[in-house]
Each structure stands twice: as structure tokens, then as C-alpha cells.
Amino acid sequence: MPSESPRSPLDELKTVRDWLRYAVTCMTRAGLIYGHGTDNAVDEAAFLILSTLDLPIEDINPWLDCRLTAAERDNVEFVISTRIETRKPAAYLTNAAFIQGRKFYVDERVIVPRSLIGELLADDHLSTIVANANGITRVLDLCTGSGCLAILAAEAFPNAKIDAVDISEDALAVAHRNIRDYRLESRVRALKSDLFGSLPPERYDVIISNPPYVTAESVAAFPPEYKAEPKLAHLGGVDGLDLVRRILEEAPKWLAPKGSLIVEIGEAQKDLEAARPDLPFLWLDTETSKGEIFALFAEDLTAGTSEGKRRGNARR
């Protein structure tokens, strides 16, 4: 009689629950780093398993006791081992990232989208800055990456045309794909430009940006998961504020008279306030952050205005 092939210990893993437990154990032992849509091994493992099985990612509980076919087990084992061996973010393995409940295509040409500005665009925080969203007609998204914020802006401002700008042609290719997926070609256009440098003349009601703002020292110390992302999307110079300074300098020429500038800068609030004590930054908190996004109005950015100086002095 032919001898039976030796059984693998993984053959004992039958259900989604089994594979979730196994994945969490392996990821924990491997010392993986999270932060690209999840912040712990359980959520990361659940995302990978559900995505691989083409199941809704919102809740793994209804599926925990479902049994996997042999082919499904192979696929799940492959994605778990790939995550551990390559240290690539899960979003690159599934080509999918979620922000504010919206699914976007991603690959290694773009940073995995996780901007806090998405929270502002998706809830009533926006009313602090924009009194009438329906009255907004022109929006600029600087450093658009995958185009996710531009697409969320199109939903937040239903009557607006959106320019999604990036210096990277690779990133713009991904943005184009997401714009097509959301059928927004008539309202959102992806443009190559080094910030404002190559834009056609325009005045925008709202300018949003999640620019590279990580310090050079921090980028050099990145763990593998963050090194897998484009360096260009992270590096903000020695203090992380190189692009932010340029945006502040150039934005007045592109904002409409009552326009708003909204920029995410990470944990650089004190450094930025020290560098620009003349500006009355309005810091916008979200459910998951405090003091990482600022807003300024066009009149605040007009150099030398007495009102801007008074407001700036009042906040110091």
C-alpha cells in the first residue's frame, strides 16, 4: 500500500478562529510593527484573513467558526508568512487600504493612506472651517498620493472640482486608478506638480495637504514596515517641516479671499509655532488625534496684516 504523506501541523488548523489564533501567535513572535490601518496583531491578522477570503473586513466574529477549504488554508498561510518574512504592510499584500470606510487601491508606489484629515472630511469637524460645504467650488489636495483625500473631498464638497497634485508620477498612476474606480473623472483631476510649481492659475476655496513631515533622523530609524513605503512620501527634511514652510509661503497666492488651508504635520505643533509665531494656527482635534492638523484662513496668511498679528500674539 502507498504510504500516506506526512501531515503538517498546519493541517490541524481548520477554522477561521484557528487561523486567527495561529496568525496572531506568529506575528507576535516575529515582532511585527503596525500602524498602516491597524495597530495590533489581532486586527492585522483579521484584516489579512478576511481580505484573503474575500469576506467583509468590518467584523471577523460571524466567520470565526467557518471551516476553510484546503486551497483557502494555503492562501491564508501564504499571506501570513509573506507578511512576516517581507515585513511589508498588509495593505501592500492585499492591494487595499481603508480610510473612513472607503476602500482604495494601493501598492508600493504610494504611502498607505491613513491621514487624519480624512476624519475631518467625513464628519462635522469641517463646519469649524467651512460654513457652507455646498458653496465650495474649488479644492486642492497637495501631495495626494493614492488620491484618497481628493476623493473624500469630492464627497464632502459635492459641488467642487478637485485638483489632486503630486510630484511622483508613480503615485499619480495610483491616484488615477482610484479616481476611475470612484467614477470621479469629471470632478477630480490628478496633476503632476512640485506643490504649486506647475499648477495652472487658480484660486481655491480649500487647500488640504498631508505632506511629508517626518524628520530625517526618524526616517533613518524606520522599521521595515515603514521603509517599505516610498521615502519621498515621508521625508520632510531635518526638522520635518521643509514642505510645510513652502506651503505656508506659497499658499496665499492660491487661496480664494475667504479660502482655508488645512495641513497635517504630525507631532510638530511646538516646532511650527516657534518657527512661525506670526501665524494664528487653529489646531483641529479629531477622535484619534490632538494638535496634528492646523487650519489657517487666507487673511491669516496675508503678510503684515494687523489682524493677523493681533491674533497671532493672542495665541502665544
Foldseek 3Di string as FASTA:
>chain_A
DDDDDDDDPLVVQWFQLSQLVVLLVVCVVLVAQDDLQDGHRNLQLLQLLCLLVVHDSPDCVVRGGPTDDPVSSVSSVVLSVCCSPQVARSCQVSQWADDPRDIAGDHQLFRRDDDPVSQVLNDDLVCVQDVDLQPFAEEEEEQCQLVPVVVSSCVSRVNYAYEYEDQDPSSLVNNVVRCVVVVNPVRYDYDHDPGCHPDDAAAGQEYEYAAAQAAPVVLVVDDSHVVSHDPRRHYQYHRRCNVVVVCLVPVLRHHDQFHKYKYFRAPCQVVVCVVCLLALWDWRAGPPDGRGMTMGTSVLSPPPDPVSNVNSVVVD
